[in-house]
Amino acid sequence: MKKECLFEVFAYIDDAFIAEAATYRRSRKPVTWVFYAGIAAAFLAVAGVFFLVRSTVMKTKSTNPESGLEETVPFVTSTEATVAVTSPAIVQEQVLFAPDESAGYCQDEMEGASAGEIMMPHQLKQEIEETENRDKYFAVTIMVCRFEYVDQYCSDEDAKYEACAKDPMIALFNQEFGHWLYDIYLPQYTKEEQWAIEKQDDLGEICLEEIFIEEYWSKTQTKETQDEYLEAKRRFEEIQAAYPDSVSGKRLIELFGDRIKEDVQKEMERLLLIGYSIEMIPLPEVYDNEYYVLDGQYGYHVYNGFTVTGYLTGEQLSNFKADPTHGYRFTWNTEDGKVDVGDE
């Protein structure tokens, strides 16, 4: 509405000045009047440009899903802003740093956080709940972890592996092997001899499984059962051989690399739009290329996602707006700038 009114005013001023200019040409008014009129027109033009620029970058309105109320968030026009944008006006005297590195790390050193989980150092949790710290900024690093579809794919591959391993015929074979080994075969030797036999089996010098098949399994099971076991074993060995490649970083990047890039940009943009003062951290100097989707100077880990650093208030940390399809592992940074980018 303000824009429309301003444009109408400008149109009116333009028409008025055109009319005045025509009158001036006819009446030869003193140059002094034209000089001051020009100054006024220039002032209004500058003011109009300022208003238009301000309206372009002004904050937009969004609705807080928790409260149902409208709140202002910075307006971002390009995904390029997701790479290195930080909110201005962070007063360093208001920034709180971890007293030491041990206070800033999560005690659980697991790889990142699982989907829907927010991991935060215990001391940071305590400090952000202090009333006097609600509006102060905390220097933090956040590892945005997990991609739901990657986890689902790996879970499906695990399920296929386990299904073959739990085939009834394989279960029967293992049960009979255990019975033969511990109830029939080993008891005929002394403890020292038993340990020596098991060590030989571990080193590959003998094969207890082959001895079992020859001396017991082939004599106690029907031909049909033995054939069914051999087929189940073949299927399991096939899955077992393929499993490492099916869940390797290379395979995951082939399947989901482009989608991971898109989701990283969407999540980074979401965090910036909320108003978090953060920027993405480039690839570490040493990293395992097999597990990273490369994107210029940045890289996104197929499990641990990407890492950002910046400043969040105690209030923002207490009510951190997480996406349930990602996990978030926080580190409270020390004043010397050391940050934790997680276990790569």
Protein backbone atom coordinates (compact mmCIF):
# COMPACT_ATOMS: atom_id res chain seq x y z
CA MET A 1 0.00 0.00 0.00
CA LYS A 2 2.87 2.36 0.90
CA LYS A 3 4.58 1.57 -2.41
CA GLU A 4 1.41 2.39 -4.39
CA CYS A 5 0.97 5.72 -2.57
CA LEU A 6 4.61 6.64 -3.18
CA PHE A 7 4.34 5.88 -6.89
CA GLU A 8 1.21 8.06 -7.10
CA VAL A 9 3.03 10.92 -5.37
CA PHE A 10 5.99 10.56 -7.75
CA ALA A 11 3.64 10.57 -10.73
CA TYR A 12 1.95 13.70 -9.44
CA ILE A 13 5.29 15.45 -8.82
CA ASP A 14 6.51 14.48 -12.32
CA ASP A 15 3.39 15.91 -13.95
CA ALA A 16 3.65 19.07 -11.86
CA PHE A 17 7.29 19.59 -12.75
CA ILE A 18 6.58 19.03 -16.44
CA ALA A 19 3.84 21.64 -16.30
CA GLU A 20 6.07 24.04 -14.38
CA ALA A 21 8.88 23.50 -16.87
CA ALA A 22 6.58 24.34 -19.76
CA THR A 23 5.38 27.46 -17.96
CA TYR A 24 8.98 28.39 -17.22
CA ARG A 25 9.92 28.13 -20.86
CA ARG A 26 7.08 30.48 -21.73
CA SER A 27 7.43 32.95 -18.90
CA ARG A 28 11.22 32.93 -18.45
CA LYS A 29 11.01 32.70 -14.62
CA PRO A 30 14.21 33.48 -12.68
CA VAL A 31 16.82 30.69 -12.68
CA THR A 32 16.87 30.78 -8.85
CA TRP A 33 13.46 29.10 -8.67
CA VAL A 34 14.54 26.34 -11.05
CA PHE A 35 17.69 25.74 -8.96
CA TYR A 36 15.75 25.19 -5.73
CA ALA A 37 13.10 23.13 -7.48
CA GLY A 38 15.85 20.86 -8.81
CA ILE A 39 17.23 20.37 -5.31
CA ALA A 40 13.78 19.42 -4.02
CA ALA A 41 13.23 16.96 -6.85
CA ALA A 42 16.61 15.32 -6.26
CA PHE A 43 15.85 14.98 -2.54
CA LEU A 44 12.51 13.30 -3.25
CA ALA A 45 14.13 10.95 -5.78
CA VAL A 46 16.80 9.87 -3.28
CA ALA A 47 14.14 9.34 -0.63
CA GLY A 48 12.12 7.23 -3.05
CA VAL A 49 15.09 5.03 -3.95
CA PHE A 50 15.86 4.55 -0.25
CA PHE A 51 12.27 3.52 0.44
CA LEU A 52 12.25 1.04 -2.46
CA VAL A 53 15.55 -0.55 -1.41
CA ARG A 54 14.39 -0.73 2.17
CA SER A 55 11.10 -2.36 1.15
CA THR A 56 13.01 -4.94 -0.94
CA VAL A 57 15.25 -6.12 1.88
CA MET A 58 12.80 -5.52 4.74
CA LYS A 59 11.87 -8.45 6.94
CA THR A 60 8.98 -10.60 5.87
CA LYS A 61 6.25 -11.99 8.07
CA SER A 62 6.03 -15.66 8.98
CA THR A 63 3.82 -17.57 11.35
CA ASN A 64 5.31 -19.32 14.34
CA PRO A 65 3.77 -22.83 14.22
CA GLU A 66 4.14 -23.19 17.98
CA SER A 67 2.41 -19.98 19.06
CA GLY A 68 0.29 -19.25 15.99
CA LEU A 69 1.59 -15.65 16.08
CA GLU A 70 3.32 -13.77 13.30
CA GLU A 71 7.03 -13.09 13.63
CA THR A 72 9.54 -11.31 11.40
CA VAL A 73 12.39 -13.22 9.77
CA PRO A 74 15.07 -11.94 7.37
CA PHE A 75 14.08 -12.14 3.73
CA VAL A 76 16.57 -14.12 1.62
CA THR A 77 16.18 -13.86 -2.16
CA SER A 78 18.87 -16.31 -3.32
CA THR A 79 20.20 -19.70 -2.32
CA GLU A 80 23.66 -18.16 -2.59
CA ALA A 81 22.87 -16.63 0.78
CA THR A 82 22.94 -20.11 2.24
CA VAL A 83 26.73 -20.30 1.89
CA ALA A 84 28.04 -17.41 3.94
CA VAL A 85 25.44 -15.10 5.49
CA THR A 86 25.59 -13.88 9.05
CA SER A 87 23.24 -11.55 10.86
CA PRO A 88 24.74 -8.14 11.67
CA ALA A 89 25.04 -6.28 14.95
CA ILE A 90 26.59 -9.01 17.08
CA VAL A 91 28.22 -7.14 19.95
CA GLN A 92 31.31 -9.11 20.95
CA GLU A 93 30.93 -8.07 24.59
CA GLN A 94 27.61 -9.95 24.60
CA VAL A 95 29.11 -13.18 23.23
CA LEU A 96 29.60 -16.00 25.73
CA PHE A 97 32.33 -18.59 25.08
CA ALA A 98 32.96 -21.98 26.65
CA PRO A 99 35.39 -21.74 29.60
CA ASP A 100 37.41 -24.63 28.11
CA GLU A 101 37.17 -27.24 25.35
CA SER A 102 35.90 -30.01 27.61
CA ALA A 103 32.93 -27.86 28.64
CA GLY A 104 32.09 -27.20 24.99
CA TYR A 105 31.99 -30.75 23.70
CA CYS A 106 29.14 -33.22 23.90
CA GLN A 107 30.23 -35.98 26.24
CA ASP A 108 28.77 -38.59 23.91
CA GLU A 109 31.37 -38.94 21.15
CA MET A 110 29.08 -40.81 18.79
CA GLU A 111 29.07 -39.85 15.11
CA GLY A 112 26.77 -36.89 15.03
CA ALA A 113 23.16 -37.08 16.19
CA SER A 114 20.36 -39.30 15.00
CA ALA A 115 17.35 -37.86 13.16
CA GLY A 116 15.15 -35.80 15.48
CA GLU A 117 17.83 -35.57 18.19
CA ILE A 118 19.44 -32.38 19.55
CA MET A 119 22.76 -33.04 21.29
CA MET A 120 24.10 -30.20 23.42
CA PRO A 121 26.95 -29.97 25.97
CA HIS A 122 25.66 -30.17 29.56
CA GLN A 123 27.24 -26.89 30.61
CA LEU A 124 25.78 -25.08 27.59
CA LYS A 125 22.32 -26.41 28.49
CA GLN A 126 22.71 -24.94 31.97
CA GLU A 127 23.94 -21.53 30.80
CA ILE A 128 21.23 -20.92 28.21
CA GLU A 129 18.55 -21.44 30.84
CA GLU A 130 19.92 -18.62 33.02
CA THR A 131 17.59 -15.61 32.81
CA GLU A 132 20.42 -13.11 32.34
CA ASN A 133 21.69 -15.10 29.33
CA ARG A 134 18.46 -15.23 27.34
CA ASP A 135 19.44 -12.27 25.14
CA LYS A 136 23.18 -12.89 25.12
CA TYR A 137 24.88 -14.67 22.26
CA PHE A 138 26.67 -18.01 22.53
CA ALA A 139 29.44 -18.90 20.09
CA VAL A 140 28.45 -22.33 18.79
CA THR A 141 29.16 -24.86 16.09
CA ILE A 142 26.32 -27.06 14.85
CA MET A 143 26.70 -30.32 12.96
CA VAL A 144 23.47 -30.84 11.01
CA CYS A 145 23.39 -34.62 10.67
CA ARG A 146 21.50 -37.40 8.95
CA PHE A 147 19.35 -37.64 5.84
CA GLU A 148 16.19 -39.65 6.30
CA TYR A 149 16.37 -41.41 2.92
CA VAL A 150 20.02 -42.40 3.42
CA ASP A 151 19.18 -43.93 6.80
CA GLN A 152 16.17 -45.74 5.31
CA TYR A 153 18.24 -47.17 2.45
CA CYS A 154 20.96 -48.42 4.84
CA SER A 155 18.29 -49.87 7.12
CA ASP A 156 16.79 -51.78 4.18
CA GLU A 157 20.20 -53.15 3.20
CA ASP A 158 20.82 -54.23 6.81
CA ALA A 159 17.43 -55.96 6.85
CA LYS A 160 18.28 -57.93 3.68
CA TYR A 161 21.59 -59.01 5.18
CA GLU A 162 20.00 -60.07 8.47
CA ALA A 163 17.18 -61.92 6.71
CA CYS A 164 19.70 -64.11 4.87
CA ALA A 165 21.76 -64.62 8.02
CA LYS A 166 18.63 -65.78 9.88
CA ASP A 167 17.48 -68.21 7.20
CA PRO A 168 15.97 -71.30 8.97
CA MET A 169 18.42 -73.65 7.27
CA ILE A 170 21.43 -71.56 8.34
CA ALA A 171 20.01 -71.38 11.85
CA LEU A 172 19.63 -75.18 11.90
CA PHE A 173 23.18 -75.68 10.66
CA ASN A 174 24.63 -73.32 13.29
CA GLN A 175 22.61 -74.96 16.04
CA GLU A 176 23.79 -78.44 15.08
CA PHE A 177 27.38 -77.24 14.68
CA GLY A 178 27.36 -75.79 18.21
CA HIS A 179 25.92 -79.01 19.63
CA TRP A 180 28.56 -81.13 17.87
CA LEU A 181 31.48 -78.85 18.76
CA TYR A 182 30.82 -78.35 22.47
CA ASP A 183 28.96 -81.54 23.36
CA ILE A 184 30.65 -84.13 21.15
CA TYR A 185 33.92 -83.08 19.53
CA LEU A 186 35.84 -80.88 21.99
CA PRO A 187 34.98 -82.80 25.21
CA GLN A 188 37.20 -85.67 24.05
CA TYR A 189 40.26 -83.41 24.43
CA THR A 190 41.90 -81.74 27.43
CA LYS A 191 41.41 -78.00 28.06
CA GLU A 192 44.86 -77.24 26.67
CA GLU A 193 44.14 -79.31 23.55
CA GLN A 194 40.77 -77.61 23.08
CA TRP A 195 42.39 -74.15 23.17
CA ALA A 196 45.00 -75.34 20.66
CA ILE A 197 42.31 -76.69 18.31
CA GLU A 198 40.29 -73.46 18.45
CA LYS A 199 43.46 -71.43 17.82
CA GLN A 200 44.29 -73.58 14.78
CA ASP A 201 40.76 -72.95 13.48
CA ASP A 202 41.14 -69.19 13.96
CA LEU A 203 44.45 -69.21 12.09
CA GLY A 204 42.97 -71.26 9.25
CA GLU A 205 45.26 -74.20 9.85
CA ILE A 206 42.22 -76.48 10.22
CA CYS A 207 38.50 -75.96 9.50
CA LEU A 208 36.18 -77.18 12.24
CA GLU A 209 33.16 -76.55 10.00
CA GLU A 210 34.47 -78.97 7.37
CA ILE A 211 35.21 -81.58 10.05
CA PHE A 212 31.65 -81.11 11.37
CA ILE A 213 30.10 -81.58 7.90
CA GLU A 214 32.15 -84.68 7.18
CA GLU A 215 31.84 -86.38 10.57
CA TYR A 216 28.37 -85.33 11.71
CA TRP A 217 26.18 -83.17 9.44
CA SER A 218 26.38 -85.42 6.36
CA LYS A 219 25.49 -88.45 8.48
CA THR A 220 22.61 -86.99 10.51
CA GLN A 221 20.75 -84.91 7.88
CA THR A 222 18.82 -85.98 4.79
CA LYS A 223 20.08 -85.14 1.30
CA GLU A 224 17.19 -82.68 0.89
CA THR A 225 18.13 -80.80 4.09
CA GLN A 226 21.76 -80.67 3.08
CA ASP A 227 20.85 -79.24 -0.36
CA GLU A 228 18.53 -76.63 1.18
CA TYR A 229 21.31 -75.55 3.49
CA LEU A 230 23.79 -75.23 0.62
CA GLU A 231 21.34 -73.00 -1.30
CA ALA A 232 20.70 -70.83 1.78
CA LYS A 233 24.45 -70.56 2.34
CA ARG A 234 24.99 -69.52 -1.29
CA ARG A 235 22.40 -66.72 -0.99
CA PHE A 236 23.91 -65.50 2.28
CA GLU A 237 27.46 -65.46 0.91
CA GLU A 238 26.24 -63.50 -2.12
CA ILE A 239 24.57 -60.88 0.10
CA GLN A 240 27.56 -60.88 2.44
CA ALA A 241 29.96 -60.16 -0.42
CA ALA A 242 27.79 -57.36 -1.86
CA TYR A 243 26.88 -55.69 1.44
CA PRO A 244 30.06 -53.56 1.95
CA ASP A 245 29.74 -52.02 -1.51
CA SER A 246 25.98 -51.50 -1.21
CA VAL A 247 26.39 -49.24 1.87
CA SER A 248 29.73 -47.67 0.93
CA GLY A 249 30.11 -43.90 0.75
CA LYS A 250 30.70 -44.16 -3.00
CA ARG A 251 27.41 -46.00 -3.52
CA LEU A 252 25.46 -43.61 -1.28
CA ILE A 253 26.81 -40.61 -3.19
CA GLU A 254 25.88 -42.24 -6.51
CA LEU A 255 22.33 -42.77 -5.28
CA PHE A 256 21.73 -39.62 -3.24
CA GLY A 257 24.47 -37.06 -3.99
CA ASP A 258 22.28 -34.57 -5.87
CA ARG A 259 19.45 -34.91 -3.39
CA ILE A 260 21.82 -34.30 -0.46
CA LYS A 261 23.05 -31.09 -2.10
CA GLU A 262 19.49 -29.85 -2.52
CA ASP A 263 18.53 -30.72 1.04
CA VAL A 264 21.62 -29.05 2.50
CA GLN A 265 20.74 -25.82 0.69
CA LYS A 266 17.11 -26.03 1.83
CA GLU A 267 18.07 -26.64 5.45
CA MET A 268 20.69 -23.89 5.45
CA GLU A 269 18.19 -21.47 3.98
CA ARG A 270 15.58 -22.50 6.57
CA LEU A 271 17.98 -21.85 9.45
CA LEU A 272 18.90 -18.42 8.03
CA LEU A 273 15.27 -17.49 7.45
CA ILE A 274 14.48 -18.28 11.07
CA GLY A 275 17.08 -15.66 11.99
CA TYR A 276 20.03 -17.72 13.20
CA SER A 277 23.36 -15.92 12.74
CA ILE A 278 25.40 -18.73 11.18
CA GLU A 279 27.68 -19.51 8.27
CA MET A 280 28.72 -22.79 6.70
CA ILE A 281 32.17 -24.19 7.46
CA PRO A 282 34.20 -25.26 4.38
CA LEU A 283 35.66 -28.74 4.06
CA PRO A 284 38.23 -29.65 6.70
CA GLU A 285 41.85 -29.82 5.55
CA VAL A 286 41.83 -33.60 5.98
CA TYR A 287 38.69 -35.51 5.10
CA ASP A 288 37.65 -38.89 3.72
CA ASN A 289 36.55 -38.10 0.18
CA GLU A 290 34.59 -41.36 -0.05
CA TYR A 291 31.89 -40.04 2.27
CA TYR A 292 31.59 -36.45 1.01
CA VAL A 293 29.36 -34.93 -1.64
CA LEU A 294 31.60 -32.15 -2.97
CA ASP A 295 30.15 -28.71 -3.69
CA GLY A 296 32.88 -26.16 -4.42
CA GLN A 297 34.79 -25.39 -1.23
CA TYR A 298 32.09 -27.16 0.75
CA GLY A 299 31.42 -30.84 1.27
CA TYR A 300 28.43 -32.67 2.75
CA HIS A 301 28.98 -35.94 4.60
CA VAL A 302 26.50 -38.67 3.66
CA TYR A 303 25.79 -39.33 7.36
CA ASN A 304 27.01 -36.26 9.28
CA GLY A 305 25.65 -33.72 6.82
CA PHE A 306 27.22 -30.28 7.10
CA THR A 307 28.60 -28.01 9.81
CA VAL A 308 27.89 -24.35 10.56
CA THR A 309 29.28 -21.92 13.09
CA GLY A 310 27.98 -18.62 14.44
CA TYR A 311 26.09 -16.97 17.27
CA LEU A 312 22.73 -17.90 18.78
CA THR A 313 21.07 -16.31 21.80
CA GLY A 314 20.17 -18.27 24.89
CA GLU A 315 16.53 -17.96 23.85
CA GLN A 316 17.23 -19.31 20.35
CA LEU A 317 19.20 -22.25 21.75
CA SER A 318 16.54 -23.08 24.34
CA ASN A 319 13.85 -23.13 21.66
CA PHE A 320 15.93 -24.33 18.75
CA LYS A 321 13.68 -25.07 15.78
CA ALA A 322 14.89 -28.44 14.56
CA ASP A 323 13.80 -30.30 11.45
CA PRO A 324 12.79 -33.82 12.59
CA THR A 325 14.45 -35.38 9.54
CA HIS A 326 17.87 -34.14 10.74
CA GLY A 327 19.89 -34.47 13.93
CA TYR A 328 21.79 -31.56 15.50
CA ARG A 329 25.00 -31.81 17.49
CA PHE A 330 26.06 -28.56 19.20
CA THR A 331 29.51 -27.54 20.33
CA TRP A 332 30.06 -24.48 22.52
CA ASN A 333 33.15 -22.77 21.06
CA THR A 334 36.05 -21.46 23.13
CA GLU A 335 37.23 -17.86 22.77
CA ASP A 336 40.35 -18.88 20.84
CA GLY A 337 38.07 -19.90 18.01
CA LYS A 338 38.47 -23.66 18.29
CA VAL A 339 35.45 -25.51 17.00
CA ASP A 340 34.49 -29.16 16.84
CA VAL A 341 33.43 -30.37 13.40
CA GLY A 342 32.68 -33.86 14.66
CA ASP A 343 34.05 -37.28 13.83
CA GLU A 344 34.57 -37.28 10.09
